[in-house]
Amino acid sequence: TGFGLLALALGDRAGLAPYSALLSAQLTGPLGMSDTGLNEAPFTNGIATRLAQGYRSTGTALVPMAISDMGVLEGAGEVISTGNDMAKFLRVLAGLAPFPVAGAVERVTAPRAPGAAGTMTGYGLDIYTLTNGVQQWEKAGLVAGYTAYIAFRRQPGTAVVVLSNRAQHQSVVAVAREILSLLTPPALSVESVAPNSMRVTFPAAARLTYEAQTSPNLSDWTSFTTVTNTAETPATLSLDIPMTPPNRFVRLRY
């Protein structure tokens, strides 16, 4: 109810109604999120063939559910989107892309009040401080037949979104956090093994391939080797990297 009323208030303040007009003018339009809208015929008719069928569980069976229609409280959770569009949104929140309104993302992500169990709360976001001191922002949402979850960090900028066509699917949260943990840059151990070579040792995630690249100018990158952890569990891998000119810069990608 609170979020639905907030959407009405924001629309009134901006002179934009219904909420879909506000969303389009100030968020989805500027970010190019053309596949994001609300449960209104002009939008849903255009994406009807791509809508995922939602379900709720009775404990013994899955029951099909229709897209939620929240009426005047549509801002409470009626937004329909795709993984690609949510990636555009999360790039902005994680600090990887600019937003047209200066300072808006900083205000959204700033702590506003204490939350549950030692967390902080921002504008609709739960803020966690991880054991390594890194802040992580999260938001879960569910309606009849669907569950959505986003999590992101700004230092370093990483993010994940999980969209499920099943209501109250609690494992969505665990899946999102596990994916985000895999996106964390590995801790590197570097040692010289020859006058013009160094060895980099790092923890590698399960079944993940790492690519080493060199560049003379931080712009033109050339791949020179890859290494894969073929195991089903994390493992420690090593790479020997030549440091002969013009390879002044090296990066490890995955």
C-alpha atoms as a PDB file:
ATOM      1  CA  THR A   1       0.000   0.000   0.000  1.00  0.00           C
ATOM      2  CA  GLY A   2       2.841   2.367   0.889  1.00  0.00           C
ATOM      3  CA  PHE A   3       4.620   1.962  -2.444  1.00  0.00           C
ATOM      4  CA  GLY A   4       1.331   2.250  -4.353  1.00  0.00           C
ATOM      5  CA  LEU A   5       0.498   5.541  -2.600  1.00  0.00           C
ATOM      6  CA  LEU A   6       4.054   6.786  -3.143  1.00  0.00           C
ATOM      7  CA  ALA A   7       3.701   6.177  -6.883  1.00  0.00           C
ATOM      8  CA  LEU A   8       0.496   8.235  -6.903  1.00  0.00           C
ATOM      9  CA  ALA A   9       2.176  11.050  -4.980  1.00  0.00           C
ATOM     10  CA  LEU A  10       5.195  11.078  -7.318  1.00  0.00           C
ATOM     11  CA  GLY A  11       2.912  11.199 -10.360  1.00  0.00           C
ATOM     12  CA  ASP A  12       0.956  14.110  -8.879  1.00  0.00           C
ATOM     13  CA  ARG A  13       4.131  15.974  -8.002  1.00  0.00           C
ATOM     14  CA  ALA A  14       5.584  15.531 -11.501  1.00  0.00           C
ATOM     15  CA  GLY A  15       2.277  16.170 -13.272  1.00  0.00           C
ATOM     16  CA  LEU A  16       2.448  12.734 -14.890  1.00  0.00           C
ATOM     17  CA  ALA A  17      -0.355  10.181 -14.574  1.00  0.00           C
ATOM     18  CA  PRO A  18      -0.881   7.270 -14.639  1.00  0.00           C
ATOM     19  CA  TYR A  19       2.270   5.848 -13.060  1.00  0.00           C
ATOM     20  CA  SER A  20       3.313   4.311 -16.381  1.00  0.00           C
ATOM     21  CA  ALA A  21       3.698   7.839 -17.803  1.00  0.00           C
ATOM     22  CA  LEU A  22       5.994   8.819 -14.935  1.00  0.00           C
ATOM     23  CA  LEU A  23       7.991   5.594 -15.301  1.00  0.00           C
ATOM     24  CA  SER A  24       8.437   6.125 -19.041  1.00  0.00           C
ATOM     25  CA  ALA A  25       9.359   9.806 -18.797  1.00  0.00           C
ATOM     26  CA  GLN A  26      11.855   9.611 -15.956  1.00  0.00           C
ATOM     27  CA  LEU A  27      13.302   6.086 -15.968  1.00  0.00           C
ATOM     28  CA  THR A  28      12.602   3.604 -18.733  1.00  0.00           C
ATOM     29  CA  GLY A  29      12.671   6.169 -21.544  1.00  0.00           C
ATOM     30  CA  PRO A  30      16.009   7.793 -20.623  1.00  0.00           C
ATOM     31  CA  LEU A  31      17.627   4.367 -20.068  1.00  0.00           C
ATOM     32  CA  GLY A  32      16.260   2.800 -23.261  1.00  0.00           C
ATOM     33  CA  MET A  33      14.243   0.167 -21.377  1.00  0.00           C
ATOM     34  CA  SER A  34      11.708  -0.354 -24.157  1.00  0.00           C
ATOM     35  CA  ASP A  35      10.604  -3.773 -22.839  1.00  0.00           C
ATOM     36  CA  THR A  36       9.569  -2.407 -19.439  1.00  0.00           C
ATOM     37  CA  GLY A  37       6.058  -1.196 -18.637  1.00  0.00           C
ATOM     38  CA  LEU A  38       2.924  -1.844 -16.629  1.00  0.00           C
ATOM     39  CA  ASN A  39      -0.087  -4.109 -17.043  1.00  0.00           C
ATOM     40  CA  GLU A  40      -1.828  -1.778 -19.485  1.00  0.00           C
ATOM     41  CA  ALA A  41      -3.159  -2.875 -22.884  1.00  0.00           C
ATOM     42  CA  PRO A  42      -0.924  -0.692 -25.107  1.00  0.00           C
ATOM     43  CA  PHE A  43       2.141  -2.282 -23.532  1.00  0.00           C
ATOM     44  CA  THR A  44       0.999  -5.844 -22.822  1.00  0.00           C
ATOM     45  CA  ASN A  45      -0.520  -6.265 -26.300  1.00  0.00           C
ATOM     46  CA  GLY A  46       2.895  -5.584 -27.813  1.00  0.00           C
ATOM     47  CA  ILE A  47       4.676  -8.172 -25.690  1.00  0.00           C
ATOM     48  CA  ALA A  48       1.892 -10.765 -25.348  1.00  0.00           C
ATOM     49  CA  THR A  49       3.791 -13.530 -27.154  1.00  0.00           C
ATOM     50  CA  ARG A  50       6.828 -13.047 -24.892  1.00  0.00           C
ATOM     51  CA  LEU A  51       5.090 -12.956 -21.511  1.00  0.00           C
ATOM     52  CA  ALA A  52       6.142 -15.802 -19.206  1.00  0.00           C
ATOM     53  CA  GLN A  53       3.220 -17.659 -17.651  1.00  0.00           C
ATOM     54  CA  GLY A  54       3.216 -17.178 -13.889  1.00  0.00           C
ATOM     55  CA  TYR A  55       2.407 -19.874 -11.320  1.00  0.00           C
ATOM     56  CA  ARG A  56       1.635 -20.293  -7.653  1.00  0.00           C
ATOM     57  CA  SER A  57       2.200 -23.495  -5.734  1.00  0.00           C
ATOM     58  CA  THR A  58      -0.475 -25.345  -3.778  1.00  0.00           C
ATOM     59  CA  GLY A  59       2.112 -27.690  -2.297  1.00  0.00           C
ATOM     60  CA  THR A  60       1.233 -30.477  -4.698  1.00  0.00           C
ATOM     61  CA  ALA A  61       0.714 -28.635  -8.001  1.00  0.00           C
ATOM     62  CA  LEU A  62       1.491 -25.409  -9.859  1.00  0.00           C
ATOM     63  CA  VAL A  63      -1.525 -23.228 -10.618  1.00  0.00           C
ATOM     64  CA  PRO A  64      -1.332 -20.720 -13.538  1.00  0.00           C
ATOM     65  CA  MET A  65      -1.770 -17.082 -12.503  1.00  0.00           C
ATOM     66  CA  ALA A  66      -2.591 -13.976 -14.510  1.00  0.00           C
ATOM     67  CA  ILE A  67      -0.491 -10.817 -14.533  1.00  0.00           C
ATOM     68  CA  SER A  68      -1.394  -8.718 -11.472  1.00  0.00           C
ATOM     69  CA  ASP A  69      -3.781  -5.802 -11.945  1.00  0.00           C
ATOM     70  CA  MET A  70      -3.342  -3.424  -9.007  1.00  0.00           C
ATOM     71  CA  GLY A  71      -5.485  -0.563 -10.280  1.00  0.00           C
ATOM     72  CA  VAL A  72      -4.516   2.846  -8.887  1.00  0.00           C
ATOM     73  CA  LEU A  73      -1.836   1.178  -6.729  1.00  0.00           C
ATOM     74  CA  GLU A  74       0.006  -0.138  -9.810  1.00  0.00           C
ATOM     75  CA  GLY A  75       3.281   1.353  -8.548  1.00  0.00           C
ATOM     76  CA  ALA A  76       3.305  -1.286  -5.800  1.00  0.00           C
ATOM     77  CA  GLY A  77       4.531  -4.030  -8.118  1.00  0.00           C
ATOM     78  CA  GLU A  78       2.850  -4.110 -11.498  1.00  0.00           C
ATOM     79  CA  VAL A  79       6.014  -3.416 -13.516  1.00  0.00           C
ATOM     80  CA  ILE A  80       6.815  -5.992 -16.216  1.00  0.00           C
ATOM     81  CA  SER A  81      10.376  -6.204 -17.507  1.00  0.00           C
ATOM     82  CA  THR A  82      13.078  -8.397 -19.052  1.00  0.00           C
ATOM     83  CA  GLY A  83      16.564  -9.439 -18.046  1.00  0.00           C
ATOM     84  CA  ASN A  84      18.111  -7.161 -20.677  1.00  0.00           C
ATOM     85  CA  ASP A  85      16.188  -4.104 -19.494  1.00  0.00           C
ATOM     86  CA  MET A  86      16.944  -4.814 -15.845  1.00  0.00           C
ATOM     87  CA  ALA A  87      20.628  -5.048 -16.768  1.00  0.00           C
ATOM     88  CA  LYS A  88      20.439  -1.468 -18.095  1.00  0.00           C
ATOM     89  CA  PHE A  89      18.853  -0.337 -14.828  1.00  0.00           C
ATOM     90  CA  LEU A  90      21.384  -2.195 -12.680  1.00  0.00           C
ATOM     91  CA  ARG A  91      24.344  -0.778 -14.621  1.00  0.00           C
ATOM     92  CA  VAL A  92      23.198   2.658 -13.473  1.00  0.00           C
ATOM     93  CA  LEU A  93      22.660   1.595  -9.846  1.00  0.00           C
ATOM     94  CA  ALA A  94      26.061  -0.144  -9.723  1.00  0.00           C
ATOM     95  CA  GLY A  95      27.806   2.975 -11.013  1.00  0.00           C
ATOM     96  CA  LEU A  96      28.754   1.442 -14.377  1.00  0.00           C
ATOM     97  CA  ALA A  97      26.667   3.847 -16.498  1.00  0.00           C
ATOM     98  CA  PRO A  98      25.439   7.451 -16.038  1.00  0.00           C
ATOM     99  CA  PHE A  99      21.900   8.524 -15.193  1.00  0.00           C
ATOM    100  CA  PRO A 100      20.488  11.720 -16.759  1.00  0.00           C
ATOM    101  CA  VAL A 101      19.635  13.305 -13.390  1.00  0.00           C
ATOM    102  CA  ALA A 102      22.843  14.209 -11.554  1.00  0.00           C
ATOM    103  CA  GLY A 103      22.981  12.865  -8.008  1.00  0.00           C
ATOM    104  CA  ALA A 104      19.813  10.767  -8.297  1.00  0.00           C
ATOM    105  CA  VAL A 105      21.531   7.382  -7.947  1.00  0.00           C
ATOM    106  CA  GLU A 106      23.616   8.629  -5.016  1.00  0.00           C
ATOM    107  CA  ARG A 107      20.441   9.721  -3.204  1.00  0.00           C
ATOM    108  CA  VAL A 108      18.692   6.429  -3.938  1.00  0.00           C
ATOM    109  CA  THR A 109      21.574   4.323  -2.611  1.00  0.00           C
ATOM    110  CA  ALA A 110      22.375   6.449   0.469  1.00  0.00           C
ATOM    111  CA  PRO A 111      21.363   4.884   3.837  1.00  0.00           C
ATOM    112  CA  ARG A 112      18.240   6.568   5.240  1.00  0.00           C
ATOM    113  CA  ALA A 113      17.306   4.581   8.337  1.00  0.00           C
ATOM    114  CA  PRO A 114      18.172   1.429  10.292  1.00  0.00           C
ATOM    115  CA  GLY A 115      16.721  -1.756   8.825  1.00  0.00           C
ATOM    116  CA  ALA A 116      16.201  -5.265  10.146  1.00  0.00           C
ATOM    117  CA  ALA A 117      18.996  -7.351  11.678  1.00  0.00           C
ATOM    118  CA  GLY A 118      21.755  -4.774  11.431  1.00  0.00           C
ATOM    119  CA  THR A 119      20.966  -3.633   7.899  1.00  0.00           C
ATOM    120  CA  MET A 120      20.265  -0.119   6.657  1.00  0.00           C
ATOM    121  CA  THR A 121      17.441   1.034   4.406  1.00  0.00           C
ATOM    122  CA  GLY A 122      17.657   3.357   1.408  1.00  0.00           C
ATOM    123  CA  TYR A 123      14.869   4.426  -0.925  1.00  0.00           C
ATOM    124  CA  GLY A 124      13.213   1.028  -1.283  1.00  0.00           C
ATOM    125  CA  LEU A 125      16.538  -0.822  -0.970  1.00  0.00           C
ATOM    126  CA  ASP A 126      17.975  -3.004   1.798  1.00  0.00           C
ATOM    127  CA  ILE A 127      21.646  -2.206   2.432  1.00  0.00           C
ATOM    128  CA  TYR A 128      24.021  -4.840   3.819  1.00  0.00           C
ATOM    129  CA  THR A 129      27.646  -4.446   4.880  1.00  0.00           C
ATOM    130  CA  LEU A 130      29.516  -7.652   4.034  1.00  0.00           C
ATOM    131  CA  THR A 131      32.255  -9.141   6.209  1.00  0.00           C
ATOM    132  CA  ASN A 132      34.903  -7.578   3.940  1.00  0.00           C
ATOM    133  CA  GLY A 133      33.358  -4.122   4.424  1.00  0.00           C
ATOM    134  CA  VAL A 134      31.769  -3.941   0.971  1.00  0.00           C
ATOM    135  CA  GLN A 135      28.221  -2.578   0.811  1.00  0.00           C
ATOM    136  CA  GLN A 136      25.561  -4.568  -1.041  1.00  0.00           C
ATOM    137  CA  TRP A 137      22.097  -3.306  -1.996  1.00  0.00           C
ATOM    138  CA  GLU A 138      19.189  -5.729  -2.433  1.00  0.00           C
ATOM    139  CA  LYS A 139      15.501  -5.638  -3.264  1.00  0.00           C
ATOM    140  CA  ALA A 140      13.019  -8.504  -3.490  1.00  0.00           C
ATOM    141  CA  GLY A 141       9.497  -8.337  -4.861  1.00  0.00           C
ATOM    142  CA  LEU A 142       6.715 -10.821  -5.445  1.00  0.00           C
ATOM    143  CA  VAL A 143       3.208 -10.783  -6.807  1.00  0.00           C
ATOM    144  CA  ALA A 144       0.757 -13.519  -7.673  1.00  0.00           C
ATOM    145  CA  GLY A 145       2.684 -15.876  -9.928  1.00  0.00           C
ATOM    146  CA  TYR A 146       6.056 -14.099 -10.065  1.00  0.00           C
ATOM    147  CA  THR A 147       9.142 -13.305  -7.961  1.00  0.00           C
ATOM    148  CA  ALA A 148      11.907 -10.803  -8.759  1.00  0.00           C
ATOM    149  CA  TYR A 149      15.163 -10.054  -7.015  1.00  0.00           C
ATOM    150  CA  ILE A 150      18.024  -7.620  -7.617  1.00  0.00           C
ATOM    151  CA  ALA A 151      21.329  -7.234  -5.805  1.00  0.00           C
ATOM    152  CA  PHE A 152      24.259  -4.974  -6.630  1.00  0.00           C
ATOM    153  CA  ARG A 153      27.496  -3.490  -5.336  1.00  0.00           C
ATOM    154  CA  ARG A 154      29.145  -0.208  -6.272  1.00  0.00           C
ATOM    155  CA  GLN A 155      32.709  -0.951  -5.113  1.00  0.00           C
ATOM    156  CA  PRO A 156      33.421  -2.774  -7.346  1.00  0.00           C
ATOM    157  CA  GLY A 157      30.427  -2.327  -9.642  1.00  0.00           C
ATOM    158  CA  THR A 158      28.671  -5.705  -9.985  1.00  0.00           C
ATOM    159  CA  ALA A 159      24.996  -6.657 -10.126  1.00  0.00           C
ATOM    160  CA  VAL A 160      22.568  -9.504 -10.727  1.00  0.00           C
ATOM    161  CA  VAL A 161      18.851  -9.862 -11.375  1.00  0.00           C
ATOM    162  CA  VAL A 162      16.806 -13.059 -11.089  1.00  0.00           C
ATOM    163  CA  LEU A 163      13.272 -13.146 -12.483  1.00  0.00           C
ATOM    164  CA  SER A 164      11.095 -16.169 -11.704  1.00  0.00           C
ATOM    165  CA  ASN A 165       7.631 -17.058 -12.990  1.00  0.00           C
ATOM    166  CA  ARG A 166       6.685 -18.636  -9.676  1.00  0.00           C
ATOM    167  CA  ALA A 167       5.260 -16.815  -6.674  1.00  0.00           C
ATOM    168  CA  GLN A 168       7.044 -16.810  -3.303  1.00  0.00           C
ATOM    169  CA  HIS A 169       9.930 -18.801  -4.713  1.00  0.00           C
ATOM    170  CA  GLN A 170      12.353 -18.220  -1.802  1.00  0.00           C
ATOM    171  CA  SER A 171      15.291 -19.865  -3.551  1.00  0.00           C
ATOM    172  CA  VAL A 172      15.419 -16.868  -5.924  1.00  0.00           C
ATOM    173  CA  VAL A 173      17.144 -14.888  -3.177  1.00  0.00           C
ATOM    174  CA  ALA A 174      19.751 -17.597  -2.590  1.00  0.00           C
ATOM    175  CA  VAL A 175      20.377 -17.979  -6.329  1.00  0.00           C
ATOM    176  CA  ALA A 176      20.926 -14.234  -6.794  1.00  0.00           C
ATOM    177  CA  ARG A 177      23.354 -14.004  -3.890  1.00  0.00           C
ATOM    178  CA  GLU A 178      25.300 -17.035  -5.103  1.00  0.00           C
ATOM    179  CA  ILE A 179      25.633 -15.554  -8.599  1.00  0.00           C
ATOM    180  CA  LEU A 180      26.782 -12.235  -7.165  1.00  0.00           C
ATOM    181  CA  SER A 181      29.427 -13.965  -5.058  1.00  0.00           C
ATOM    182  CA  LEU A 182      30.863 -15.472  -8.245  1.00  0.00           C
ATOM    183  CA  LEU A 183      31.169 -12.005  -9.787  1.00  0.00           C
ATOM    184  CA  THR A 184      33.501 -10.774  -7.059  1.00  0.00           C
ATOM    185  CA  PRO A 185      37.000 -10.097  -8.476  1.00  0.00           C
ATOM    186  CA  PRO A 186      39.406 -12.831  -7.329  1.00  0.00           C
ATOM    187  CA  ALA A 187      42.174 -12.023  -4.875  1.00  0.00           C
ATOM    188  CA  LEU A 188      45.434 -12.175  -6.864  1.00  0.00           C
ATOM    189  CA  SER A 189      48.831 -13.311  -5.611  1.00  0.00           C
ATOM    190  CA  VAL A 190      51.689 -12.067  -7.840  1.00  0.00           C
ATOM    191  CA  GLU A 191      55.333 -13.152  -7.856  1.00  0.00           C
ATOM    192  CA  SER A 192      58.248 -12.733 -10.270  1.00  0.00           C
ATOM    193  CA  VAL A 193      59.352 -16.025 -11.835  1.00  0.00           C
ATOM    194  CA  ALA A 194      61.777 -14.633 -14.450  1.00  0.00           C
ATOM    195  CA  PRO A 195      63.278 -11.246 -15.376  1.00  0.00           C
ATOM    196  CA  ASN A 196      60.387 -10.542 -17.761  1.00  0.00           C
ATOM    197  CA  SER A 197      57.641 -12.760 -16.440  1.00  0.00           C
ATOM    198  CA  MET A 198      55.332 -12.917 -13.450  1.00  0.00           C
ATOM    199  CA  ARG A 199      53.097 -15.636 -12.042  1.00  0.00           C
ATOM    200  CA  VAL A 200      49.565 -14.788 -10.948  1.00  0.00           C
ATOM    201  CA  THR A 201      47.786 -17.208  -8.604  1.00  0.00           C
ATOM    202  CA  PHE A 202      44.092 -16.780  -7.839  1.00  0.00           C
ATOM    203  CA  PRO A 203      40.997 -18.659  -6.578  1.00  0.00           C
ATOM    204  CA  ALA A 204      38.860 -19.710  -9.546  1.00  0.00           C
ATOM    205  CA  ALA A 205      35.125 -20.359  -9.395  1.00  0.00           C
ATOM    206  CA  ALA A 206      33.810 -23.762 -10.432  1.00  0.00           C
ATOM    207  CA  ARG A 207      33.577 -24.401 -14.190  1.00  0.00           C
ATOM    208  CA  LEU A 208      34.708 -20.883 -15.091  1.00  0.00           C
ATOM    209  CA  THR A 209      37.203 -19.814 -17.765  1.00  0.00           C
ATOM    210  CA  TYR A 210      39.611 -16.927 -17.168  1.00  0.00           C
ATOM    211  CA  GLU A 211      41.266 -14.972 -19.975  1.00  0.00           C
ATOM    212  CA  ALA A 212      44.522 -13.022 -19.616  1.00  0.00           C
ATOM    213  CA  GLN A 213      44.998  -9.952 -21.814  1.00  0.00           C
ATOM    214  CA  THR A 214      47.799  -7.412 -22.263  1.00  0.00           C
ATOM    215  CA  SER A 215      47.812  -3.837 -23.522  1.00  0.00           C
ATOM    216  CA  PRO A 216      50.363  -1.092 -24.144  1.00  0.00           C
ATOM    217  CA  ASN A 217      47.854   1.697 -23.439  1.00  0.00           C
ATOM    218  CA  LEU A 218      44.812   0.432 -21.480  1.00  0.00           C
ATOM    219  CA  SER A 219      42.811   0.639 -24.700  1.00  0.00           C
ATOM    220  CA  ASP A 220      44.077  -1.965 -27.185  1.00  0.00           C
ATOM    221  CA  TRP A 221      43.833  -5.338 -25.445  1.00  0.00           C
ATOM    222  CA  THR A 222      45.223  -8.615 -26.792  1.00  0.00           C
ATOM    223  CA  SER A 223      44.375 -12.041 -25.396  1.00  0.00           C
ATOM    224  CA  PHE A 224      47.362 -14.340 -24.938  1.00  0.00           C
ATOM    225  CA  THR A 225      46.061 -17.264 -22.887  1.00  0.00           C
ATOM    226  CA  THR A 226      43.078 -18.749 -21.087  1.00  0.00           C
ATOM    227  CA  VAL A 227      42.771 -21.146 -18.193  1.00  0.00           C
ATOM    228  CA  THR A 228      39.690 -23.026 -16.994  1.00  0.00           C
ATOM    229  CA  ASN A 229      38.730 -24.536 -13.682  1.00  0.00           C
ATOM    230  CA  THR A 230      37.052 -27.717 -14.908  1.00  0.00           C
ATOM    231  CA  ALA A 231      36.172 -28.895 -11.412  1.00  0.00           C
ATOM    232  CA  GLU A 232      32.741 -28.698  -9.818  1.00  0.00           C
ATOM    233  CA  THR A 233      34.212 -26.762  -6.881  1.00  0.00           C
ATOM    234  CA  PRO A 234      36.462 -23.687  -6.549  1.00  0.00           C
ATOM    235  CA  ALA A 235      40.168 -24.289  -7.189  1.00  0.00           C
ATOM    236  CA  THR A 236      43.439 -22.349  -7.194  1.00  0.00           C
ATOM    237  CA  LEU A 237      44.854 -21.606 -10.657  1.00  0.00           C
ATOM    238  CA  SER A 238      48.092 -19.992 -11.851  1.00  0.00           C
ATOM    239  CA  LEU A 239      49.094 -18.074 -14.971  1.00  0.00           C
ATOM    240  CA  ASP A 240      52.569 -17.085 -16.143  1.00  0.00           C
ATOM    241  CA  ILE A 241      52.394 -13.672 -17.790  1.00  0.00           C
ATOM    242  CA  PRO A 242      55.178 -12.272 -19.998  1.00  0.00           C
ATOM    243  CA  MET A 243      55.989  -8.652 -19.214  1.00  0.00           C
ATOM    244  CA  THR A 244      58.134  -7.814 -22.226  1.00  0.00           C
ATOM    245  CA  PRO A 245      57.382  -4.475 -23.933  1.00  0.00           C
ATOM    246  CA  PRO A 246      54.936  -3.306 -25.115  1.00  0.00           C
ATOM    247  CA  ASN A 247      52.840  -5.327 -22.641  1.00  0.00           C
ATOM    248  CA  ARG A 248      52.763  -2.663 -19.944  1.00  0.00           C
ATOM    249  CA  PHE A 249      49.311  -3.523 -18.635  1.00  0.00           C
ATOM    250  CA  VAL A 250      47.669  -6.866 -17.848  1.00  0.00           C
ATOM    251  CA  ARG A 251      44.100  -7.774 -16.935  1.00  0.00           C
ATOM    252  CA  LEU A 252      42.359 -11.009 -16.027  1.00  0.00           C
ATOM    253  CA  ARG A 253      38.810 -11.408 -17.347  1.00  0.00           C
ATOM    254  CA  TYR A 254      36.148 -14.051 -16.728  1.00  0.00           C
END
